[in-house]
C-alpha atoms as a PDB file:
ATOM      1  CA  MET A   1     118.009  37.005 118.177  1.00  0.00           C
ATOM      2  CA  ILE A   2     114.347  37.853 118.662  1.00  0.00           C
ATOM      3  CA  SER A   3     112.316  36.689 121.735  1.00  0.00           C
ATOM      4  CA  LEU A   4     108.490  36.072 121.788  1.00  0.00           C
ATOM      5  CA  LEU A   5     106.098  34.518 124.218  1.00  0.00           C
ATOM      6  CA  LEU A   6     103.999  31.658 123.099  1.00  0.00           C
ATOM      7  CA  GLN A   7     101.689  29.803 125.237  1.00  0.00           C
ATOM      8  CA  GLY A   8     103.951  30.441 128.083  1.00  0.00           C
ATOM      9  CA  THR A   9     107.171  29.178 126.066  1.00  0.00           C
ATOM     10  CA  VAL A  10     109.562  31.708 124.943  1.00  0.00           C
ATOM     11  CA  LEU A  11     109.824  31.787 121.058  1.00  0.00           C
ATOM     12  CA  ARG A  12     113.531  32.776 119.703  1.00  0.00           C
ATOM     13  CA  ILE A  13     114.270  33.114 116.162  1.00  0.00           C
ATOM     14  CA  HIS A  14     117.845  32.723 115.137  1.00  0.00           C
ATOM     15  CA  PHE A  15     119.260  35.438 112.722  1.00  0.00           C
ATOM     16  CA  LEU A  16     120.027  32.746 110.158  1.00  0.00           C
ATOM     17  CA  PHE A  17     116.476  32.004 109.921  1.00  0.00           C
ATOM     18  CA  TRP A  18     115.944  35.527 109.024  1.00  0.00           C
ATOM     19  CA  VAL A  19     118.736  35.507 106.282  1.00  0.00           C
ATOM     20  CA  VAL A  20     116.611  32.563 104.674  1.00  0.00           C
ATOM     21  CA  ILE A  21     113.560  34.477 105.067  1.00  0.00           C
ATOM     22  CA  LEU A  22     115.349  37.404 103.341  1.00  0.00           C
ATOM     23  CA  SER A  23     116.637  35.788 100.414  1.00  0.00           C
ATOM     24  CA  SER A  24     113.111  34.419  99.935  1.00  0.00           C
ATOM     25  CA  VAL A  25     111.617  38.046  99.991  1.00  0.00           C
ATOM     26  CA  VAL A  26     114.028  39.203  97.728  1.00  0.00           C
ATOM     27  CA  THR A  27     112.821  36.666  94.950  1.00  0.00           C
ATOM     28  CA  GLY A  28     109.255  37.949  95.400  1.00  0.00           C
ATOM     29  CA  GLN A  29     107.897  34.576  97.398  1.00  0.00           C
ATOM     30  CA  PHE A  30     106.359  36.646 100.374  1.00  0.00           C
ATOM     31  CA  MET A  31     103.284  34.274 100.803  1.00  0.00           C
ATOM     32  CA  GLU A  32     105.521  31.239 100.418  1.00  0.00           C
ATOM     33  CA  VAL A  33     107.965  32.697 103.287  1.00  0.00           C
ATOM     34  CA  THR A  34     104.865  32.982 105.596  1.00  0.00           C
ATOM     35  CA  THR A  35     103.612  29.737 105.043  1.00  0.00           C
ATOM     36  CA  LEU A  36     107.578  28.422 105.827  1.00  0.00           C
ATOM     37  CA  PHE A  37     107.273  30.470 109.073  1.00  0.00           C
ATOM     38  CA  VAL A  38     103.957  28.700 109.798  1.00  0.00           C
ATOM     39  CA  LEU A  39     104.946  24.922 109.061  1.00  0.00           C
ATOM     40  CA  VAL A  40     108.262  25.437 111.023  1.00  0.00           C
ATOM     41  CA  LEU A  41     106.390  26.663 113.858  1.00  0.00           C
ATOM     42  CA  ILE A  42     103.840  23.915 113.728  1.00  0.00           C
ATOM     43  CA  HIS A  43     106.613  21.231 113.554  1.00  0.00           C
ATOM     44  CA  GLU A  44     108.126  22.874 116.799  1.00  0.00           C
ATOM     45  CA  LEU A  45     104.860  23.030 118.804  1.00  0.00           C
ATOM     46  CA  GLY A  46     104.482  19.186 117.631  1.00  0.00           C
ATOM     47  CA  HIS A  47     107.992  18.603 119.639  1.00  0.00           C
ATOM     48  CA  VAL A  48     106.439  20.699 122.708  1.00  0.00           C
ATOM     49  CA  THR A  49     103.061  19.004 122.700  1.00  0.00           C
ATOM     50  CA  ALA A  50     104.711  15.477 123.073  1.00  0.00           C
ATOM     51  CA  ALA A  51     107.247  16.670 125.426  1.00  0.00           C
ATOM     52  CA  ARG A  52     104.736  18.241 127.651  1.00  0.00           C
ATOM     53  CA  SER A  53     102.806  14.909 127.678  1.00  0.00           C
ATOM     54  CA  PHE A  54     105.974  13.321 129.382  1.00  0.00           C
ATOM     55  CA  GLY A  55     106.443  15.969 131.891  1.00  0.00           C
ATOM     56  CA  TRP A  56     109.307  17.487 130.431  1.00  0.00           C
ATOM     57  CA  ARG A  57     110.349  21.140 131.147  1.00  0.00           C
ATOM     58  CA  ILE A  58     110.593  23.202 128.028  1.00  0.00           C
ATOM     59  CA  HIS A  59     112.638  26.384 128.138  1.00  0.00           C
ATOM     60  CA  SER A  60     112.218  27.947 124.653  1.00  0.00           C
ATOM     61  CA  ILE A  61     111.567  26.818 121.161  1.00  0.00           C
ATOM     62  CA  GLU A  62     114.277  28.312 118.992  1.00  0.00           C
ATOM     63  CA  LEU A  63     113.245  28.654 115.001  1.00  0.00           C
ATOM     64  CA  LEU A  64     116.487  27.889 112.843  1.00  0.00           C
ATOM     65  CA  PRO A  65     116.719  27.879 109.174  1.00  0.00           C
ATOM     66  CA  PHE A  66     116.065  24.102 108.750  1.00  0.00           C
ATOM     67  CA  GLY A  67     113.389  23.884 111.364  1.00  0.00           C
ATOM     68  CA  GLY A  68     114.167  24.486 115.112  1.00  0.00           C
ATOM     69  CA  VAL A  69     114.935  23.210 118.333  1.00  0.00           C
ATOM     70  CA  ALA A  70     112.959  23.077 121.505  1.00  0.00           C
ATOM     71  CA  HIS A  71     115.201  23.501 124.436  1.00  0.00           C
ATOM     72  CA  THR A  72     114.689  21.457 127.504  1.00  0.00           C
ATOM     73  CA  ASP A  73     116.062  20.374 130.901  1.00  0.00           C
ATOM     74  CA  GLU A  74     115.763  16.758 129.785  1.00  0.00           C
ATOM     75  CA  TRP A  75     119.235  16.213 128.480  1.00  0.00           C
ATOM     76  CA  GLY A  76     120.497  12.818 128.894  1.00  0.00           C
ATOM     77  CA  THR A  77     117.694  12.210 131.891  1.00  0.00           C
ATOM     78  CA  VAL A  78     114.748  10.586 130.119  1.00  0.00           C
ATOM     79  CA  PRO A  79     114.090   7.445 128.772  1.00  0.00           C
ATOM     80  CA  ALA A  80     115.199   6.701 124.917  1.00  0.00           C
ATOM     81  CA  ARG A  81     111.723   5.782 124.255  1.00  0.00           C
ATOM     82  CA  GLU A  82     110.433   9.395 125.176  1.00  0.00           C
ATOM     83  CA  GLU A  83     113.185  11.059 123.313  1.00  0.00           C
ATOM     84  CA  ILE A  84     112.266   8.896 119.953  1.00  0.00           C
ATOM     85  CA  VAL A  85     108.389  10.036 120.234  1.00  0.00           C
ATOM     86  CA  VAL A  86     109.263  13.482 121.102  1.00  0.00           C
ATOM     87  CA  ALA A  87     111.695  13.691 118.033  1.00  0.00           C
ATOM     88  CA  LEU A  88     109.250  11.886 115.752  1.00  0.00           C
ATOM     89  CA  ALA A  89     106.283  14.062 116.867  1.00  0.00           C
ATOM     90  CA  GLY A  90     107.635  17.333 114.901  1.00  0.00           C
ATOM     91  CA  PRO A  91     107.596  15.346 111.353  1.00  0.00           C
ATOM     92  CA  PHE A  92     104.410  13.678 112.297  1.00  0.00           C
ATOM     93  CA  HIS A  93     102.779  17.035 112.622  1.00  0.00           C
ATOM     94  CA  ASN A  94     104.124  17.846 109.344  1.00  0.00           C
ATOM     95  CA  VAL A  95     102.499  14.640 107.883  1.00  0.00           C
ATOM     96  CA  ILE A  96      99.115  15.715 109.376  1.00  0.00           C
ATOM     97  CA  MET A  97      99.350  19.077 107.399  1.00  0.00           C
ATOM     98  CA  VAL A  98     100.119  17.157 104.174  1.00  0.00           C
ATOM     99  CA  LEU A  99      96.808  15.458 104.468  1.00  0.00           C
ATOM    100  CA  PHE A 100      94.958  18.484 105.501  1.00  0.00           C
ATOM    101  CA  GLY A 101      96.453  20.046 102.541  1.00  0.00           C
ATOM    102  CA  LEU A 102      95.113  17.473 100.184  1.00  0.00           C
ATOM    103  CA  LEU A 103      91.915  17.570 101.966  1.00  0.00           C
ATOM    104  CA  PHE A 104      91.602  21.140 101.301  1.00  0.00           C
ATOM    105  CA  TYR A 105      92.334  20.642  97.445  1.00  0.00           C
ATOM    106  CA  GLN A 106      89.921  17.967  97.208  1.00  0.00           C
ATOM    107  CA  PHE A 107      87.259  20.335  98.483  1.00  0.00           C
ATOM    108  CA  GLY A 108      88.080  23.076  96.113  1.00  0.00           C
ATOM    109  CA  TRP A 109      89.572  25.288  98.864  1.00  0.00           C
ATOM    110  CA  TRP A 110      93.060  25.415  97.355  1.00  0.00           C
ATOM    111  CA  SER A 111      94.460  25.659  93.903  1.00  0.00           C
ATOM    112  CA  ALA A 112      96.770  22.595  92.648  1.00  0.00           C
ATOM    113  CA  GLU A 113      99.468  25.028  92.451  1.00  0.00           C
ATOM    114  CA  TRP A 114      99.172  26.207  95.954  1.00  0.00           C
ATOM    115  CA  THR A 115      98.622  22.909  97.394  1.00  0.00           C
ATOM    116  CA  GLU A 116     101.648  21.369  95.582  1.00  0.00           C
ATOM    117  CA  TYR A 117     103.880  23.951  97.574  1.00  0.00           C
ATOM    118  CA  PHE A 118     102.199  23.425 100.451  1.00  0.00           C
ATOM    119  CA  VAL A 119     102.625  19.439 100.479  1.00  0.00           C
ATOM    120  CA  LYS A 120     106.375  19.928  99.295  1.00  0.00           C
ATOM    121  CA  GLY A 121     107.210  22.300 101.972  1.00  0.00           C
ATOM    122  CA  ASN A 122     105.729  20.104 104.662  1.00  0.00           C
ATOM    123  CA  ALA A 123     107.348  16.904 103.222  1.00  0.00           C
ATOM    124  CA  MET A 124     110.994  18.480 102.769  1.00  0.00           C
ATOM    125  CA  LEU A 125     110.823  19.780 106.212  1.00  0.00           C
ATOM    126  CA  ALA A 126     109.864  16.726 107.820  1.00  0.00           C
ATOM    127  CA  GLY A 127     112.326  14.686 105.406  1.00  0.00           C
ATOM    128  CA  PHE A 128     115.272  16.890 106.075  1.00  0.00           C
ATOM    129  CA  ASN A 129     114.734  16.993 109.799  1.00  0.00           C
ATOM    130  CA  LEU A 130     114.798  13.292 109.768  1.00  0.00           C
ATOM    131  CA  LEU A 131     118.400  12.974 108.499  1.00  0.00           C
ATOM    132  CA  PRO A 132     120.771  11.300 110.884  1.00  0.00           C
ATOM    133  CA  ILE A 133     122.567  14.820 111.690  1.00  0.00           C
ATOM    134  CA  TYR A 134     122.378  16.118 115.316  1.00  0.00           C
ATOM    135  CA  PRO A 135     120.514  18.207 116.470  1.00  0.00           C
ATOM    136  CA  LEU A 136     118.241  17.381 113.849  1.00  0.00           C
ATOM    137  CA  ASP A 137     115.459  15.084 114.786  1.00  0.00           C
ATOM    138  CA  GLY A 138     116.943  12.030 112.857  1.00  0.00           C
ATOM    139  CA  GLY A 139     120.175  12.601 114.928  1.00  0.00           C
ATOM    140  CA  ARG A 140     118.325  12.727 118.194  1.00  0.00           C
ATOM    141  CA  ILE A 141     116.406   9.491 117.183  1.00  0.00           C
ATOM    142  CA  LEU A 142     119.938   7.782 116.334  1.00  0.00           C
ATOM    143  CA  GLN A 143     121.457   8.703 119.632  1.00  0.00           C
ATOM    144  CA  ALA A 144     118.227   7.293 121.285  1.00  0.00           C
ATOM    145  CA  LEU A 145     118.593   3.992 119.388  1.00  0.00           C
ATOM    146  CA  LEU A 146     122.462   3.725 119.739  1.00  0.00           C
ATOM    147  CA  SER A 147     121.826   4.109 123.815  1.00  0.00           C
ATOM    148  CA  TYR A 148     119.672   0.975 123.848  1.00  0.00           C
ATOM    149  CA  VAL A 149     122.712  -1.255 122.690  1.00  0.00           C
ATOM    150  CA  PHE A 150     125.937   0.594 123.484  1.00  0.00           C
ATOM    151  CA  PRO A 151     127.175   2.523 126.637  1.00  0.00           C
ATOM    152  CA  TYR A 152     125.460   5.866 126.810  1.00  0.00           C
ATOM    153  CA  ARG A 153     128.633   8.119 126.429  1.00  0.00           C
ATOM    154  CA  ARG A 154     129.506   6.283 123.365  1.00  0.00           C
ATOM    155  CA  ALA A 155     126.302   6.594 121.848  1.00  0.00           C
ATOM    156  CA  VAL A 156     126.380  10.333 122.275  1.00  0.00           C
ATOM    157  CA  VAL A 157     129.964  10.373 120.752  1.00  0.00           C
ATOM    158  CA  TRP A 158     129.197   8.186 117.986  1.00  0.00           C
ATOM    159  CA  SER A 159     126.100   9.956 116.921  1.00  0.00           C
ATOM    160  CA  LEU A 160     127.866  13.204 116.800  1.00  0.00           C
ATOM    161  CA  GLY A 161     130.636  11.855 114.686  1.00  0.00           C
ATOM    162  CA  PHE A 162     127.671  10.883 112.084  1.00  0.00           C
ATOM    163  CA  GLY A 163     126.431  14.418 112.589  1.00  0.00           C
ATOM    164  CA  PHE A 164     129.942  15.835 111.710  1.00  0.00           C
ATOM    165  CA  ALA A 165     130.128  13.463 108.593  1.00  0.00           C
ATOM    166  CA  GLY A 166     126.562  14.225 107.414  1.00  0.00           C
ATOM    167  CA  ALA A 167     127.164  18.124 107.901  1.00  0.00           C
ATOM    168  CA  ALA A 168     130.094  17.906 105.721  1.00  0.00           C
ATOM    169  CA  GLY A 169     128.344  15.817 103.161  1.00  0.00           C
ATOM    170  CA  LEU A 170     125.589  18.231 103.095  1.00  0.00           C
ATOM    171  CA  PHE A 171     127.845  20.983 102.546  1.00  0.00           C
ATOM    172  CA  LEU A 172     129.886  19.396  99.717  1.00  0.00           C
ATOM    173  CA  PHE A 173     126.661  18.638  97.967  1.00  0.00           C
ATOM    174  CA  SER A 174     125.788  22.202  98.222  1.00  0.00           C
ATOM    175  CA  LEU A 175     128.771  23.006  96.097  1.00  0.00           C
ATOM    176  CA  SER A 176     128.403  20.223  93.693  1.00  0.00           C
ATOM    177  CA  GLY A 177     126.071  21.512  91.287  1.00  0.00           C
ATOM    178  CA  GLU A 178     126.404  24.141  88.454  1.00  0.00           C
ATOM    179  CA  LYS A 179     124.954  26.994  90.956  1.00  0.00           C
ATOM    180  CA  VAL A 180     126.079  26.773  94.747  1.00  0.00           C
ATOM    181  CA  GLN A 181     123.268  26.417  96.895  1.00  0.00           C
ATOM    182  CA  ILE A 182     123.909  29.074  99.465  1.00  0.00           C
ATOM    183  CA  ASN A 183     120.922  28.402 101.809  1.00  0.00           C
ATOM    184  CA  LEU A 184     121.967  24.907 101.898  1.00  0.00           C
ATOM    185  CA  SER A 185     125.605  25.365 102.813  1.00  0.00           C
ATOM    186  CA  ILE A 186     124.758  27.792 105.553  1.00  0.00           C
ATOM    187  CA  VAL A 187     122.572  25.371 107.127  1.00  0.00           C
ATOM    188  CA  ALA A 188     125.529  22.626 106.823  1.00  0.00           C
ATOM    189  CA  LEU A 189     127.935  24.793 108.304  1.00  0.00           C
ATOM    190  CA  PHE A 190     125.207  25.706 111.194  1.00  0.00           C
ATOM    191  CA  LEU A 191     124.790  21.811 111.629  1.00  0.00           C
ATOM    192  CA  PHE A 192     128.612  21.428 111.770  1.00  0.00           C
ATOM    193  CA  TYR A 193     128.972  24.109 114.284  1.00  0.00           C
ATOM    194  CA  SER A 194     126.102  22.401 116.424  1.00  0.00           C
ATOM    195  CA  ASN A 195     127.919  19.000 116.435  1.00  0.00           C
ATOM    196  CA  TRP A 196     131.198  20.825 117.576  1.00  0.00           C
ATOM    197  CA  ILE A 197     129.527  22.473 120.390  1.00  0.00           C
ATOM    198  CA  ALA A 198     127.564  19.300 121.743  1.00  0.00           C
ATOM    199  CA  MET A 199     130.900  17.295 121.106  1.00  0.00           C
ATOM    200  CA  ARG A 200     132.467  20.006 123.508  1.00  0.00           C
ATOM    201  CA  GLN A 201     129.675  19.264 125.687  1.00  0.00           C
ATOM    202  CA  ARG A 202     129.337  15.495 125.688  1.00  0.00           C
ATOM    203  CA  ASP A 203     131.209  15.005 129.218  1.00  0.00           C
ATOM    204  CA  TYR A 204     128.711  17.355 130.848  1.00  0.00           C
ATOM    205  CA  GLN A 205     125.597  15.434 128.962  1.00  0.00           C
ATOM    206  CA  TYR A 206     127.400  12.155 130.104  1.00  0.00           C
ATOM    207  CA  MET A 207     127.524  13.379 133.742  1.00  0.00           C
ATOM    208  CA  ARG A 208     123.881  14.664 133.850  1.00  0.00           C
ATOM    209  CA  PHE A 209     122.962  11.078 132.869  1.00  0.00           C
ATOM    210  CA  LEU A 210     125.042   9.513 135.523  1.00  0.00           C
ATOM    211  CA  MET A 211     123.621  12.033 138.473  1.00  0.00           C
ATOM    212  CA  HIS A 212     120.192  11.404 137.147  1.00  0.00           C
ATOM    213  CA  ARG A 213     120.725   7.492 137.147  1.00  0.00           C
ATOM    214  CA  ARG A 214     122.045   7.811 140.735  1.00  0.00           C
ATOM    215  CA  GLU A 215     118.723   9.254 141.836  1.00  0.00           C
ATOM    216  CA  HIS A 216     116.328   7.135 139.387  1.00  0.00           C
ATOM    217  CA  ARG A 217     116.636   3.647 138.806  1.00  0.00           C
ATOM    218  CA  VAL A 218     115.797   1.913 135.634  1.00  0.00           C
ATOM    219  CA  PRO A 219     112.508   0.020 135.375  1.00  0.00           C
ATOM    220  CA  ASP A 220     112.445  -3.617 136.834  1.00  0.00           C
ATOM    221  CA  SER A 221     111.921  -4.691 133.004  1.00  0.00           C
ATOM    222  CA  ALA A 222     115.179  -3.340 132.069  1.00  0.00           C
ATOM    223  CA  PRO A 223     117.847  -5.876 131.124  1.00  0.00           C
ATOM    224  CA  ILE A 224     120.549  -6.895 133.274  1.00  0.00           C
ATOM    225  CA  ILE A 225     124.130  -6.314 132.238  1.00  0.00           C
ATOM    226  CA  GLN A 226     127.175  -7.957 133.789  1.00  0.00           C
ATOM    227  CA  LEU A 227     130.189  -5.879 133.625  1.00  0.00           C
ATOM    228  CA  PRO A 228     133.527  -7.762 134.345  1.00  0.00           C
ATOM    229  CA  VAL A 229     136.182  -5.251 135.422  1.00  0.00           C
ATOM    230  CA  ARG A 230     139.781  -5.325 136.575  1.00  0.00           C
ATOM    231  CA  PRO A 231     140.666  -4.229 140.262  1.00  0.00           C
ATOM    232  CA  GLU A 232     143.086  -1.626 138.921  1.00  0.00           C
ATOM    233  CA  GLU A 233     140.381  -0.262 136.383  1.00  0.00           C
ATOM    234  CA  PRO A 234     139.452   3.297 137.279  1.00  0.00           C
ATOM    235  CA  LEU A 235     135.806   3.855 138.476  1.00  0.00           C
ATOM    236  CA  LEU A 236     135.302   6.466 135.700  1.00  0.00           C
ATOM    237  CA  THR A 237     136.228   4.186 133.317  1.00  0.00           C
ATOM    238  CA  VAL A 238     133.623   1.641 134.744  1.00  0.00           C
ATOM    239  CA  LEU A 239     131.181   4.026 134.529  1.00  0.00           C
ATOM    240  CA  LYS A 240     131.769   4.995 131.088  1.00  0.00           C
ATOM    241  CA  ARG A 241     130.550   1.319 130.261  1.00  0.00           C
ATOM    242  CA  PHE A 242     126.924   2.201 131.755  1.00  0.00           C
ATOM    243  CA  ARG A 243     124.002   1.867 129.443  1.00  0.00           C
ATOM    244  CA  LYS A 244     121.167   3.977 129.475  1.00  0.00           C
ATOM    245  CA  GLU A 245     118.440   1.272 129.134  1.00  0.00           C
ATOM    246  CA  ALA A 246     119.972  -1.536 131.398  1.00  0.00           C
ATOM    247  CA  TYR A 247     120.820  -2.238 134.717  1.00  0.00           C
ATOM    248  CA  HIS A 248     124.145  -3.120 135.730  1.00  0.00           C
ATOM    249  CA  VAL A 249     125.996  -5.685 137.948  1.00  0.00           C
ATOM    250  CA  VAL A 250     129.754  -4.961 138.369  1.00  0.00           C
ATOM    251  CA  VAL A 251     131.955  -8.188 138.574  1.00  0.00           C
ATOM    252  CA  VAL A 252     135.410  -7.432 140.257  1.00  0.00           C
ATOM    253  CA  GLN A 253     138.213  -9.710 140.248  1.00  0.00           C
ATOM    254  CA  LYS A 254     139.361 -10.410 143.757  1.00  0.00           C
ATOM    255  CA  PRO A 255     142.889 -10.109 144.809  1.00  0.00           C
ATOM    256  CA  LYS A 256     143.100 -13.818 145.871  1.00  0.00           C
ATOM    257  CA  GLY A 257     140.994 -15.174 143.295  1.00  0.00           C
ATOM    258  CA  GLY A 258     137.357 -15.314 142.573  1.00  0.00           C
ATOM    259  CA  TRP A 259     134.853 -12.649 141.550  1.00  0.00           C
ATOM    260  CA  ALA A 260     132.601 -10.325 143.473  1.00  0.00           C
ATOM    261  CA  THR A 261     129.451  -8.960 142.287  1.00  0.00           C
ATOM    262  CA  VAL A 262     128.562  -4.998 143.220  1.00  0.00           C
ATOM    263  CA  PRO A 263     125.097  -3.497 142.109  1.00  0.00           C
ATOM    264  CA  GLU A 264     125.444  -0.364 140.132  1.00  0.00           C
ATOM    265  CA  GLU A 265     124.071   1.789 143.160  1.00  0.00           C
ATOM    266  CA  ALA A 266     127.259   0.956 145.102  1.00  0.00           C
ATOM    267  CA  VAL A 267     129.376   2.121 141.994  1.00  0.00           C
ATOM    268  CA  PHE A 268     127.426   5.525 142.384  1.00  0.00           C
ATOM    269  CA  ARG A 269     127.923   5.794 146.050  1.00  0.00           C
ATOM    270  CA  CYS A 270     131.589   5.029 145.741  1.00  0.00           C
ATOM    271  CA  TYR A 271     132.139   7.623 142.970  1.00  0.00           C
ATOM    272  CA  PHE A 272     129.651  10.287 144.061  1.00  0.00           C
ATOM    273  CA  ASP A 273     128.995  10.063 147.647  1.00  0.00           C
ATOM    274  CA  GLU A 274     132.138   9.076 148.827  1.00  0.00           C
ATOM    275  CA  LYS A 275     133.779  11.354 146.129  1.00  0.00           C
ATOM    276  CA  ARG A 276     136.337   8.905 145.272  1.00  0.00           C
ATOM    277  CA  ILE A 277     136.771  10.688 141.662  1.00  0.00           C
ATOM    278  CA  GLY A 278     139.974   8.983 141.230  1.00  0.00           C
ATOM    279  CA  GLY A 279     139.017   5.580 142.822  1.00  0.00           C
ATOM    280  CA  LEU A 280     139.581   2.091 141.313  1.00  0.00           C
ATOM    281  CA  ALA A 281     137.268  -0.828 141.035  1.00  0.00           C
ATOM    282  CA  ALA A 282     138.933  -2.541 143.854  1.00  0.00           C
ATOM    283  CA  ASP A 283     137.466   0.370 146.178  1.00  0.00           C
ATOM    284  CA  LEU A 284     134.498  -1.388 145.438  1.00  0.00           C
ATOM    285  CA  ILE A 285     135.221  -4.641 147.265  1.00  0.00           C
ATOM    286  CA  ALA A 286     137.778  -3.076 149.512  1.00  0.00           C
END
């Protein structure tokens, strides 16, 4: 892993990125390799620019063989809308580069052959990153969209499930032709590994979401959802039903009949502040 400093942000280059570049150099495509490096960097700077406009804290940019990842502190703690905008900003910059390439061709500054390579490179980079495979941009967008309609933890797990399936599909595709696509198979294995790591960290991501939510309420415009729960239901199970983009009112069945409504702040207070880690929903109305 090689690290550089770019406009105050650490730029890390993954060793697999160098494997892809080396294989291209061996085939005598030095100019194409240099262009690929620049396109990937511009793609990632698109993410960083959008993230900083929302006030996100950027740790580093890591260049990967399929693109890159902007590492931030905002993991499960920002609105889904911001996640979608930041994810789309990378491919959007590639679209802008395509338009510039076509413009340079019209002015006669670039040859038809070079323009074709430049346009295809940007299109492939943007298109590949929009595949619904985490941690690609499309996988992040899928996770954000799922968080609108499903509990956040379930949205995370389901998006990673799509990521596993997509990575496996890419790997099989890389082996399906007459000639094995080594670069694609390496990328597919890396994506599968990335989803495996993310799946292992899903509870950490979910807890970050809960702890941030305890301190920051959703906007008043957010939909209000009533969650009917049984008194014997664990508090953690109740929290696992919380959505990212909604406010929750927990409706607990009383022992002597009837129902008691409890705002989500009371659930957070009971679980975190009173440290009732193994508590039940009945504790909310005790």
